[in-house]
Amino acid sequence: MGIEEPTGKLERVYRALNRELRAQRFEVERRPFSPHLTLARVKTPLDPVAQQDLQALLQSKQQGLTTNEAYAITSLHVMKSELSRGGAQYTLLRECQFQR
């Protein structure tokens, strides 16, 4: 699910994080930044009919759903994800508090 963030603050955090990661010689993401929430993962690609059904379901749930509500982001969590047969395992590596 995409996130609309007109102020560009998430983009600035992303760029600052990438600068620091590069400085520490970590490999960084090469794809363009796209703020989003992952709602679900599927193990195998959906066939076209299932994709259309899922899209219709999501659109029906979004109708009439709009918000101008702002959410305060107080920290950044650096997570490690490991995929296994039982699903993804997530481990918090570091929490960085933002200054107000």
PDB file of N, CA and C in Angstrom:
ATOM      1  N   MET A   1       0.856  -1.157   0.000  1.00  0.00           N
ATOM      2  CA  MET A   1       0.000   0.000   0.000  1.00  0.00           C
ATOM      3  C   MET A   1       0.904   1.221   0.000  1.00  0.00           C
ATOM      4  N   GLY A   2       0.727   2.076  -0.972  1.00  0.00           N
ATOM      5  CA  GLY A   2       1.559   3.266  -1.081  1.00  0.00           C
ATOM      6  C   GLY A   2       1.247   4.287  -0.005  1.00  0.00           C
ATOM      7  N   ILE A   3       2.220   5.113   0.291  1.00  0.00           N
ATOM      8  CA  ILE A   3       2.065   6.173   1.285  1.00  0.00           C
ATOM      9  C   ILE A   3       2.308   7.494   0.590  1.00  0.00           C
ATOM     10  N   GLU A   4       1.343   8.406   0.688  1.00  0.00           N
ATOM     11  CA  GLU A   4       1.536   9.750   0.164  1.00  0.00           C
ATOM     12  C   GLU A   4       2.143  10.596   1.263  1.00  0.00           C
ATOM     13  N   GLU A   5       3.268  11.204   0.955  1.00  0.00           N
ATOM     14  CA  GLU A   5       3.981  11.981   1.973  1.00  0.00           C
ATOM     15  C   GLU A   5       4.511  13.231   1.285  1.00  0.00           C
ATOM     16  N   PRO A   6       3.656  14.263   1.183  1.00  0.00           N
ATOM     17  CA  PRO A   6       4.007  15.434   0.380  1.00  0.00           C
ATOM     18  C   PRO A   6       5.161  16.285   0.914  1.00  0.00           C
ATOM     19  N   THR A   7       5.509  16.165   2.181  1.00  0.00           N
ATOM     20  CA  THR A   7       6.574  17.015   2.727  1.00  0.00           C
ATOM     21  C   THR A   7       7.968  16.539   2.346  1.00  0.00           C
ATOM     22  N   GLY A   8       8.094  15.288   1.929  1.00  0.00           N
ATOM     23  CA  GLY A   8       9.400  14.757   1.547  1.00  0.00           C
ATOM     24  C   GLY A   8      10.280  14.346   2.717  1.00  0.00           C
ATOM     25  N   LYS A   9       9.737  14.326   3.920  1.00  0.00           N
ATOM     26  CA  LYS A   9      10.556  13.981   5.088  1.00  0.00           C
ATOM     27  C   LYS A   9      11.043  12.533   5.033  1.00  0.00           C
ATOM     28  N   LEU A  10      10.181  11.624   4.582  1.00  0.00           N
ATOM     29  CA  LEU A  10      10.615  10.222   4.492  1.00  0.00           C
ATOM     30  C   LEU A  10      11.744  10.072   3.481  1.00  0.00           C
ATOM     31  N   GLU A  11      11.641  10.791   2.374  1.00  0.00           N
ATOM     32  CA  GLU A  11      12.697  10.768   1.352  1.00  0.00           C
ATOM     33  C   GLU A  11      14.012  11.273   1.939  1.00  0.00           C
ATOM     34  N   ARG A  12      13.967  12.324   2.744  1.00  0.00           N
ATOM     35  CA  ARG A  12      15.190  12.865   3.360  1.00  0.00           C
ATOM     36  C   ARG A  12      15.800  11.865   4.340  1.00  0.00           C
ATOM     37  N   VAL A  13      14.970  11.195   5.109  1.00  0.00           N
ATOM     38  CA  VAL A  13      15.483  10.167   6.031  1.00  0.00           C
ATOM     39  C   VAL A  13      16.131   9.047   5.231  1.00  0.00           C
ATOM     40  N   TYR A  14      15.468   8.619   4.163  1.00  0.00           N
ATOM     41  CA  TYR A  14      15.997   7.561   3.300  1.00  0.00           C
ATOM     42  C   TYR A  14      17.370   7.947   2.731  1.00  0.00           C
ATOM     43  N   ARG A  15      17.489   9.169   2.226  1.00  0.00           N
ATOM     44  CA  ARG A  15      18.762   9.611   1.643  1.00  0.00           C
ATOM     45  C   ARG A  15      19.865   9.713   2.699  1.00  0.00           C
ATOM     46  N   ALA A  16      19.516  10.244   3.872  1.00  0.00           N
ATOM     47  CA  ALA A  16      20.512  10.358   4.945  1.00  0.00           C
ATOM     48  C   ALA A  16      20.973   8.977   5.387  1.00  0.00           C
ATOM     49  N   LEU A  17      20.045   8.041   5.509  1.00  0.00           N
ATOM     50  CA  LEU A  17      20.399   6.675   5.894  1.00  0.00           C
ATOM     51  C   LEU A  17      21.309   6.041   4.847  1.00  0.00           C
ATOM     52  N   ASN A  18      20.986   6.218   3.569  1.00  0.00           N
ATOM     53  CA  ASN A  18      21.830   5.658   2.510  1.00  0.00           C
ATOM     54  C   ASN A  18      23.233   6.261   2.512  1.00  0.00           C
ATOM     55  N   ARG A  19      23.342   7.569   2.773  1.00  0.00           N
ATOM     56  CA  ARG A  19      24.669   8.198   2.856  1.00  0.00           C
ATOM     57  C   ARG A  19      25.498   7.542   3.951  1.00  0.00           C
ATOM     58  N   GLU A  20      24.884   7.353   5.124  1.00  0.00           N
ATOM     59  CA  GLU A  20      25.595   6.738   6.251  1.00  0.00           C
ATOM     60  C   GLU A  20      25.963   5.292   5.957  1.00  0.00           C
ATOM     61  N   LEU A  21      25.043   4.554   5.333  1.00  0.00           N
ATOM     62  CA  LEU A  21      25.335   3.156   4.998  1.00  0.00           C
ATOM     63  C   LEU A  21      26.492   3.061   4.002  1.00  0.00           C
ATOM     64  N   ARG A  22      26.477   3.922   2.972  1.00  0.00           N
ATOM     65  CA  ARG A  22      27.576   3.927   2.001  1.00  0.00           C
ATOM     66  C   ARG A  22      28.895   4.267   2.669  1.00  0.00           C
ATOM     67  N   ALA A  23      28.871   5.229   3.590  1.00  0.00           N
ATOM     68  CA  ALA A  23      30.089   5.634   4.302  1.00  0.00           C
ATOM     69  C   ALA A  23      30.661   4.474   5.111  1.00  0.00           C
ATOM     70  N   GLN A  24      29.789   3.589   5.573  1.00  0.00           N
ATOM     71  CA  GLN A  24      30.230   2.413   6.334  1.00  0.00           C
ATOM     72  C   GLN A  24      30.449   1.200   5.429  1.00  0.00           C
ATOM     73  N   ARG A  25      30.377   1.437   4.113  1.00  0.00           N
ATOM     74  CA  ARG A  25      30.627   0.416   3.079  1.00  0.00           C
ATOM     75  C   ARG A  25      29.566  -0.687   3.030  1.00  0.00           C
ATOM     76  N   PHE A  26      28.325  -0.330   3.387  1.00  0.00           N
ATOM     77  CA  PHE A  26      27.215  -1.254   3.216  1.00  0.00           C
ATOM     78  C   PHE A  26      26.657  -1.085   1.812  1.00  0.00           C
ATOM     79  N   GLU A  27      26.113  -2.153   1.270  1.00  0.00           N
ATOM     80  CA  GLU A  27      25.436  -2.068  -0.018  1.00  0.00           C
ATOM     81  C   GLU A  27      24.065  -1.454   0.215  1.00  0.00           C
ATOM     82  N   VAL A  28      23.659  -0.527  -0.649  1.00  0.00           N
ATOM     83  CA  VAL A  28      22.373   0.146  -0.485  1.00  0.00           C
ATOM     84  C   VAL A  28      21.439  -0.209  -1.636  1.00  0.00           C
ATOM     85  N   GLU A  29      20.170  -0.001  -1.398  1.00  0.00           N
ATOM     86  CA  GLU A  29      19.136  -0.272  -2.398  1.00  0.00           C
ATOM     87  C   GLU A  29      19.345   0.615  -3.612  1.00  0.00           C
ATOM     88  N   ARG A  30      19.240   0.046  -4.798  1.00  0.00           N
ATOM     89  CA  ARG A  30      19.443   0.811  -6.028  1.00  0.00           C
ATOM     90  C   ARG A  30      18.125   1.255  -6.665  1.00  0.00           C
ATOM     91  N   ARG A  31      17.029   0.614  -6.279  1.00  0.00           N
ATOM     92  CA  ARG A  31      15.733   0.994  -6.842  1.00  0.00           C
ATOM     93  C   ARG A  31      15.295   2.347  -6.284  1.00  0.00           C
ATOM     94  N   PRO A  32      14.451   3.057  -7.032  1.00  0.00           N
ATOM     95  CA  PRO A  32      13.945   4.338  -6.524  1.00  0.00           C
ATOM     96  C   PRO A  32      13.162   4.129  -5.220  1.00  0.00           C
ATOM     97  N   PHE A  33      13.237   5.104  -4.331  1.00  0.00           N
ATOM     98  CA  PHE A  33      12.536   5.045  -3.056  1.00  0.00           C
ATOM     99  C   PHE A  33      11.031   5.110  -3.296  1.00  0.00           C
ATOM    100  N   SER A  34      10.299   4.210  -2.665  1.00  0.00           N
ATOM    101  CA  SER A  34       8.848   4.160  -2.790  1.00  0.00           C
ATOM    102  C   SER A  34       8.255   3.851  -1.420  1.00  0.00           C
ATOM    103  N   PRO A  35       7.860   4.888  -0.648  1.00  0.00           N
ATOM    104  CA  PRO A  35       7.324   4.619   0.688  1.00  0.00           C
ATOM    105  C   PRO A  35       6.051   3.786   0.592  1.00  0.00           C
ATOM    106  N   HIS A  36       5.975   2.741   1.404  1.00  0.00           N
ATOM    107  CA  HIS A  36       4.833   1.824   1.342  1.00  0.00           C
ATOM    108  C   HIS A  36       4.745   0.991   2.613  1.00  0.00           C
ATOM    109  N   LEU A  37       3.616   0.324   2.759  1.00  0.00           N
ATOM    110  CA  LEU A  37       3.425  -0.684   3.805  1.00  0.00           C
ATOM    111  C   LEU A  37       3.188  -2.005   3.096  1.00  0.00           C
ATOM    112  N   THR A  38       3.864  -3.054   3.527  1.00  0.00           N
ATOM    113  CA  THR A  38       3.616  -4.372   2.979  1.00  0.00           C
ATOM    114  C   THR A  38       2.475  -4.992   3.775  1.00  0.00           C
ATOM    115  N   LEU A  39       1.387  -5.276   3.100  1.00  0.00           N
ATOM    116  CA  LEU A  39       0.206  -5.824   3.765  1.00  0.00           C
ATOM    117  C   LEU A  39       0.204  -7.344   3.785  1.00  0.00           C
ATOM    118  N   ALA A  40       0.818  -7.957   2.785  1.00  0.00           N
ATOM    119  CA  ALA A  40       0.827  -9.420   2.713  1.00  0.00           C
ATOM    120  C   ALA A  40       1.920  -9.868   1.755  1.00  0.00           C
ATOM    121  N   ARG A  41       2.344 -11.094   1.939  1.00  0.00           N
ATOM    122  CA  ARG A  41       3.290 -11.715   1.012  1.00  0.00           C
ATOM    123  C   ARG A  41       2.680 -13.045   0.572  1.00  0.00           C
ATOM    124  N   VAL A  42       2.866 -13.371  -0.687  1.00  0.00           N
ATOM    125  CA  VAL A  42       2.402 -14.660  -1.192  1.00  0.00           C
ATOM    126  C   VAL A  42       3.613 -15.461  -1.637  1.00  0.00           C
ATOM    127  N   LYS A  43       3.562 -16.766  -1.408  1.00  0.00           N
ATOM    128  CA  LYS A  43       4.719 -17.612  -1.722  1.00  0.00           C
ATOM    129  C   LYS A  43       4.897 -17.819  -3.217  1.00  0.00           C
ATOM    130  N   THR A  44       3.797 -17.900  -3.944  1.00  0.00           N
ATOM    131  CA  THR A  44       3.884 -18.089  -5.392  1.00  0.00           C
ATOM    132  C   THR A  44       3.092 -16.982  -6.072  1.00  0.00           C
ATOM    133  N   PRO A  45       3.483 -16.602  -7.278  1.00  0.00           N
ATOM    134  CA  PRO A  45       2.754 -15.552  -7.986  1.00  0.00           C
ATOM    135  C   PRO A  45       1.285 -15.935  -8.184  1.00  0.00           C
ATOM    136  N   LEU A  46       0.409 -14.943  -8.091  1.00  0.00           N
ATOM    137  CA  LEU A  46      -1.015 -15.179  -8.310  1.00  0.00           C
ATOM    138  C   LEU A  46      -1.305 -15.256  -9.796  1.00  0.00           C
ATOM    139  N   ASP A  47      -2.260 -16.119 -10.160  1.00  0.00           N
ATOM    140  CA  ASP A  47      -2.685 -16.152 -11.559  1.00  0.00           C
ATOM    141  C   ASP A  47      -3.498 -14.880 -11.837  1.00  0.00           C
ATOM    142  N   PRO A  48      -3.693 -14.522 -13.102  1.00  0.00           N
ATOM    143  CA  PRO A  48      -4.365 -13.262 -13.431  1.00  0.00           C
ATOM    144  C   PRO A  48      -5.747 -13.103 -12.795  1.00  0.00           C
ATOM    145  N   VAL A  49      -6.528 -14.161 -12.714  1.00  0.00           N
ATOM    146  CA  VAL A  49      -7.868 -14.064 -12.119  1.00  0.00           C
ATOM    147  C   VAL A  49      -7.757 -13.768 -10.627  1.00  0.00           C
ATOM    148  N   ALA A  50      -6.856 -14.447  -9.932  1.00  0.00           N
ATOM    149  CA  ALA A  50      -6.667 -14.213  -8.500  1.00  0.00           C
ATOM    150  C   ALA A  50      -6.147 -12.795  -8.254  1.00  0.00           C
ATOM    151  N   GLN A  51      -5.277 -12.308  -9.146  1.00  0.00           N
ATOM    152  CA  GLN A  51      -4.779 -10.933  -9.029  1.00  0.00           C
ATOM    153  C   GLN A  51      -5.921  -9.928  -9.160  1.00  0.00           C
ATOM    154  N   GLN A  52      -6.794 -10.155 -10.127  1.00  0.00           N
ATOM    155  CA  GLN A  52      -7.935  -9.261 -10.321  1.00  0.00           C
ATOM    156  C   GLN A  52      -8.874  -9.310  -9.112  1.00  0.00           C
ATOM    157  N   ASP A  53      -9.108 -10.501  -8.578  1.00  0.00           N
ATOM    158  CA  ASP A  53      -9.970 -10.640  -7.403  1.00  0.00           C
ATOM    159  C   ASP A  53      -9.385  -9.898  -6.201  1.00  0.00           C
ATOM    160  N   LEU A  54      -8.093 -10.046  -5.992  1.00  0.00           N
ATOM    161  CA  LEU A  54      -7.433  -9.365  -4.881  1.00  0.00           C
ATOM    162  C   LEU A  54      -7.491  -7.849  -5.070  1.00  0.00           C
ATOM    163  N   GLN A  55      -7.227  -7.377  -6.287  1.00  0.00           N
ATOM    164  CA  GLN A  55      -7.291  -5.942  -6.567  1.00  0.00           C
ATOM    165  C   GLN A  55      -8.691  -5.403  -6.311  1.00  0.00           C
ATOM    166  N   ALA A  56      -9.719  -6.131  -6.745  1.00  0.00           N
ATOM    167  CA  ALA A  56     -11.103  -5.697  -6.523  1.00  0.00           C
ATOM    168  C   ALA A  56     -11.424  -5.641  -5.037  1.00  0.00           C
ATOM    169  N   LEU A  57     -10.962  -6.623  -4.282  1.00  0.00           N
ATOM    170  CA  LEU A  57     -11.189  -6.641  -2.837  1.00  0.00           C
ATOM    171  C   LEU A  57     -10.544  -5.430  -2.178  1.00  0.00           C
ATOM    172  N   LEU A  58      -9.289  -5.158  -2.513  1.00  0.00           N
ATOM    173  CA  LEU A  58      -8.585  -4.023  -1.921  1.00  0.00           C
ATOM    174  C   LEU A  58      -9.249  -2.702  -2.298  1.00  0.00           C
ATOM    175  N   GLN A  59      -9.658  -2.568  -3.538  1.00  0.00           N
ATOM    176  CA  GLN A  59     -10.317  -1.329  -3.962  1.00  0.00           C
ATOM    177  C   GLN A  59     -11.652  -1.144  -3.252  1.00  0.00           C
ATOM    178  N   SER A  60     -12.398  -2.230  -3.044  1.00  0.00           N
ATOM    179  CA  SER A  60     -13.688  -2.116  -2.361  1.00  0.00           C
ATOM    180  C   SER A  60     -13.497  -1.666  -0.914  1.00  0.00           C
ATOM    181  N   LYS A  61     -12.416  -2.090  -0.285  1.00  0.00           N
ATOM    182  CA  LYS A  61     -12.141  -1.700   1.096  1.00  0.00           C
ATOM    183  C   LYS A  61     -11.661  -0.250   1.184  1.00  0.00           C
ATOM    184  N   GLN A  62     -11.072   0.263   0.097  1.00  0.00           N
ATOM    185  CA  GLN A  62     -10.543   1.626   0.103  1.00  0.00           C
ATOM    186  C   GLN A  62     -11.596   2.674  -0.226  1.00  0.00           C
ATOM    187  N   GLN A  63     -12.688   2.274  -0.847  1.00  0.00           N
ATOM    188  CA  GLN A  63     -13.697   3.253  -1.248  1.00  0.00           C
ATOM    189  C   GLN A  63     -14.199   4.010  -0.031  1.00  0.00           C
ATOM    190  N   GLY A  64     -14.194   5.313  -0.148  1.00  0.00           N
ATOM    191  CA  GLY A  64     -14.649   6.163   0.937  1.00  0.00           C
ATOM    192  C   GLY A  64     -13.646   6.304   2.068  1.00  0.00           C
ATOM    193  N   LEU A  65     -12.499   5.673   1.936  1.00  0.00           N
ATOM    194  CA  LEU A  65     -11.483   5.738   2.976  1.00  0.00           C
ATOM    195  C   LEU A  65     -10.450   6.790   2.598  1.00  0.00           C
ATOM    196  N   THR A  66     -10.552   7.932   3.209  1.00  0.00           N
ATOM    197  CA  THR A  66      -9.555   8.979   3.010  1.00  0.00           C
ATOM    198  C   THR A  66      -9.228   9.558   4.374  1.00  0.00           C
ATOM    199  N   THR A  67      -8.037  10.025   4.499  1.00  0.00           N
ATOM    200  CA  THR A  67      -7.641  10.642   5.760  1.00  0.00           C
ATOM    201  C   THR A  67      -6.631  11.734   5.497  1.00  0.00           C
ATOM    202  N   ASN A  68      -6.758  12.775   6.231  1.00  0.00           N
ATOM    203  CA  ASN A  68      -5.757  13.834   6.211  1.00  0.00           C
ATOM    204  C   ASN A  68      -5.033  13.858   7.544  1.00  0.00           C
ATOM    205  N   GLU A  69      -5.269  12.810   8.305  1.00  0.00           N
ATOM    206  CA  GLU A  69      -4.675  12.728   9.635  1.00  0.00           C
ATOM    207  C   GLU A  69      -3.171  12.520   9.527  1.00  0.00           C
ATOM    208  N   ALA A  70      -2.438  13.255  10.325  1.00  0.00           N
ATOM    209  CA  ALA A  70      -0.983  13.119  10.344  1.00  0.00           C
ATOM    210  C   ALA A  70      -0.586  12.165  11.462  1.00  0.00           C
ATOM    211  N   TYR A  71       0.439  11.404  11.221  1.00  0.00           N
ATOM    212  CA  TYR A  71       0.968  10.482  12.214  1.00  0.00           C
ATOM    213  C   TYR A  71       2.389  10.897  12.555  1.00  0.00           C
ATOM    214  N   ALA A  72       2.654  11.040  13.830  1.00  0.00           N
ATOM    215  CA  ALA A  72       3.995  11.408  14.264  1.00  0.00           C
ATOM    216  C   ALA A  72       4.890  10.182  14.223  1.00  0.00           C
ATOM    217  N   ILE A  73       6.024  10.318  13.582  1.00  0.00           N
ATOM    218  CA  ILE A  73       7.014   9.244  13.537  1.00  0.00           C
ATOM    219  C   ILE A  73       8.102   9.607  14.521  1.00  0.00           C
ATOM    220  N   THR A  74       8.296   8.770  15.526  1.00  0.00           N
ATOM    221  CA  THR A  74       9.218   9.101  16.608  1.00  0.00           C
ATOM    222  C   THR A  74      10.519   8.320  16.561  1.00  0.00           C
ATOM    223  N   SER A  75      10.550   7.246  15.751  1.00  0.00           N
ATOM    224  CA  SER A  75      11.779   6.451  15.712  1.00  0.00           C
ATOM    225  C   SER A  75      11.874   5.680  14.408  1.00  0.00           C
ATOM    226  N   LEU A  76      13.078   5.228  14.142  1.00  0.00           N
ATOM    227  CA  LEU A  76      13.370   4.386  12.989  1.00  0.00           C
ATOM    228  C   LEU A  76      13.872   3.058  13.534  1.00  0.00           C
ATOM    229  N   HIS A  77      13.276   1.968  13.102  1.00  0.00           N
ATOM    230  CA  HIS A  77      13.713   0.635  13.528  1.00  0.00           C
ATOM    231  C   HIS A  77      14.460  -0.026  12.383  1.00  0.00           C
ATOM    232  N   VAL A  78      15.670  -0.448  12.645  1.00  0.00           N
ATOM    233  CA  VAL A  78      16.462  -1.177  11.662  1.00  0.00           C
ATOM    234  C   VAL A  78      16.204  -2.654  11.922  1.00  0.00           C
ATOM    235  N   MET A  79      15.614  -3.307  10.920  1.00  0.00           N
ATOM    236  CA  MET A  79      15.179  -4.690  11.083  1.00  0.00           C
ATOM    237  C   MET A  79      15.967  -5.626  10.167  1.00  0.00           C
ATOM    238  N   LYS A  80      16.102  -6.841  10.623  1.00  0.00           N
ATOM    239  CA  LYS A  80      16.676  -7.916   9.826  1.00  0.00           C
ATOM    240  C   LYS A  80      15.532  -8.876   9.535  1.00  0.00           C
ATOM    241  N   SER A  81      15.352  -9.253   8.280  1.00  0.00           N
ATOM    242  CA  SER A  81      14.317 -10.235   7.953  1.00  0.00           C
ATOM    243  C   SER A  81      14.972 -11.454   7.332  1.00  0.00           C
ATOM    244  N   GLU A  82      14.554 -12.598   7.818  1.00  0.00           N
ATOM    245  CA  GLU A  82      15.060 -13.871   7.297  1.00  0.00           C
ATOM    246  C   GLU A  82      13.867 -14.720   6.895  1.00  0.00           C
ATOM    247  N   LEU A  83      13.846 -15.113   5.624  1.00  0.00           N
ATOM    248  CA  LEU A  83      12.753 -15.945   5.142  1.00  0.00           C
ATOM    249  C   LEU A  83      13.040 -17.410   5.449  1.00  0.00           C
ATOM    250  N   SER A  84      12.012 -18.095   5.921  1.00  0.00           N
ATOM    251  CA  SER A  84      12.129 -19.532   6.188  1.00  0.00           C
ATOM    252  C   SER A  84      10.843 -20.208   5.742  1.00  0.00           C
ATOM    253  N   ARG A  85      10.800 -21.512   5.826  1.00  0.00           N
ATOM    254  CA  ARG A  85       9.596 -22.242   5.425  1.00  0.00           C
ATOM    255  C   ARG A  85       8.390 -21.852   6.264  1.00  0.00           C
ATOM    256  N   GLY A  86       8.620 -21.506   7.501  1.00  0.00           N
ATOM    257  CA  GLY A  86       7.536 -21.127   8.395  1.00  0.00           C
ATOM    258  C   GLY A  86       7.121 -19.668   8.269  1.00  0.00           C
ATOM    259  N   GLY A  87       7.762 -18.925   7.377  1.00  0.00           N
ATOM    260  CA  GLY A  87       7.456 -17.510   7.210  1.00  0.00           C
ATOM    261  C   GLY A  87       8.661 -16.665   7.551  1.00  0.00           C
ATOM    262  N   ALA A  88       8.481 -15.374   7.469  1.00  0.00           N
ATOM    263  CA  ALA A  88       9.583 -14.454   7.729  1.00  0.00           C
ATOM    264  C   ALA A  88       9.805 -14.296   9.235  1.00  0.00           C
ATOM    265  N   GLN A  89      11.070 -14.233   9.619  1.00  0.00           N
ATOM    266  CA  GLN A  89      11.456 -13.957  11.002  1.00  0.00           C
ATOM    267  C   GLN A  89      12.091 -12.578  11.029  1.00  0.00           C
ATOM    268  N   TYR A  90      11.580 -11.711  11.878  1.00  0.00           N
ATOM    269  CA  TYR A  90      12.075 -10.341  11.956  1.00  0.00           C
ATOM    270  C   TYR A  90      12.796 -10.130  13.281  1.00  0.00           C
ATOM    271  N   THR A  91      13.956  -9.488  13.199  1.00  0.00           N
ATOM    272  CA  THR A  91      14.750  -9.193  14.386  1.00  0.00           C
ATOM    273  C   THR A  91      15.075  -7.708  14.391  1.00  0.00           C
ATOM    274  N   LEU A  92      14.801  -7.046  15.506  1.00  0.00           N
ATOM    275  CA  LEU A  92      15.144  -5.634  15.653  1.00  0.00           C
ATOM    276  C   LEU A  92      16.644  -5.533  15.910  1.00  0.00           C
ATOM    277  N   LEU A  93      17.349  -4.836  15.019  1.00  0.00           N
ATOM    278  CA  LEU A  93      18.783  -4.654  15.175  1.00  0.00           C
ATOM    279  C   LEU A  93      19.107  -3.373  15.932  1.00  0.00           C
ATOM    280  N   ARG A  94      18.305  -2.322  15.668  1.00  0.00           N
ATOM    281  CA  ARG A  94      18.570  -1.039  16.306  1.00  0.00           C
ATOM    282  C   ARG A  94      17.346  -0.146  16.223  1.00  0.00           C
ATOM    283  N   GLU A  95      17.110   0.613  17.266  1.00  0.00           N
ATOM    284  CA  GLU A  95      16.049   1.608  17.267  1.00  0.00           C
ATOM    285  C   GLU A  95      16.708   2.975  17.406  1.00  0.00           C
ATOM    286  N   CYS A  96      16.381   3.874  16.496  1.00  0.00           N
ATOM    287  CA  CYS A  96      16.946   5.224  16.518  1.00  0.00           C
ATOM    288  C   CYS A  96      15.809   6.211  16.762  1.00  0.00           C
ATOM    289  N   GLN A  97      15.864   6.927  17.876  1.00  0.00           N
ATOM    290  CA  GLN A  97      14.845   7.907  18.216  1.00  0.00           C
ATOM    291  C   GLN A  97      15.084   9.188  17.424  1.00  0.00           C
ATOM    292  N   PHE A  98      14.023   9.785  16.892  1.00  0.00           N
ATOM    293  CA  PHE A  98      14.129  11.068  16.225  1.00  0.00           C
ATOM    294  C   PHE A  98      14.018  12.177  17.256  1.00  0.00           C
ATOM    295  N   GLN A  99      14.744  13.245  17.012  1.00  0.00           N
ATOM    296  CA  GLN A  99      14.638  14.429  17.877  1.00  0.00           C
ATOM    297  C   GLN A  99      13.441  15.251  17.422  1.00  0.00           C
ATOM    298  N   ARG A 100      12.773  15.859  18.347  1.00  0.00           N
ATOM    299  CA  ARG A 100      11.610  16.707  18.001  1.00  0.00           C
ATOM    300  C   ARG A 100      12.068  18.065  17.556  1.00  0.00           C
TER     301      ARG A 100
END
